[in-house]
């Protein structure tokens, strides 16, 4: 497995809508393994293809404490949502920045698994939040886009300060 480079905001690719994946293949299977390895190494609980400069509709998530319940979804889509939850989110493309985001607490998601089969399942709480966060990436949206203008401006200022410190 190969550790991939995670692109950081404001990389333009993070704002692009990703292309659908027509079918599963060996190249995508390797990419999924590399994405999981990269996500676990970061460490994170979710990673979307545009975060590694691949403009395809692919996400990986694993909210388990032992990193032993990976989920890979190609062309994921939320087909139902209900409830409300507030969760403090962060993003591997904006390290060190966290904000409380409101999202549906219960979703039904459909996508293709790494066997090339269409699957549909329910997710709630943290798993629902994580999947929604990663699907946002596939649509060119970031978690800070869910914030009010003032909170978004503060988060961006904080991120820029952090990046300036790293560069000096």
Foldseek 3Di string as FASTA:
>chain_A
DAAAQFAAPPPVLLQAAADADPFADPVVVVVQVNQLVNCVVLPHFKDAVVRRPHRFQKMWGDPDPVSPDIWIFGPKDWPDFAAKDWDWDDDSNQPPFTDTAIDTFKTWMWGAGNVGDIDIDMDGDPVVVRVVQRSCSNNSHHRLVRDDPVVSVVRVVVSVVVVVVVVD
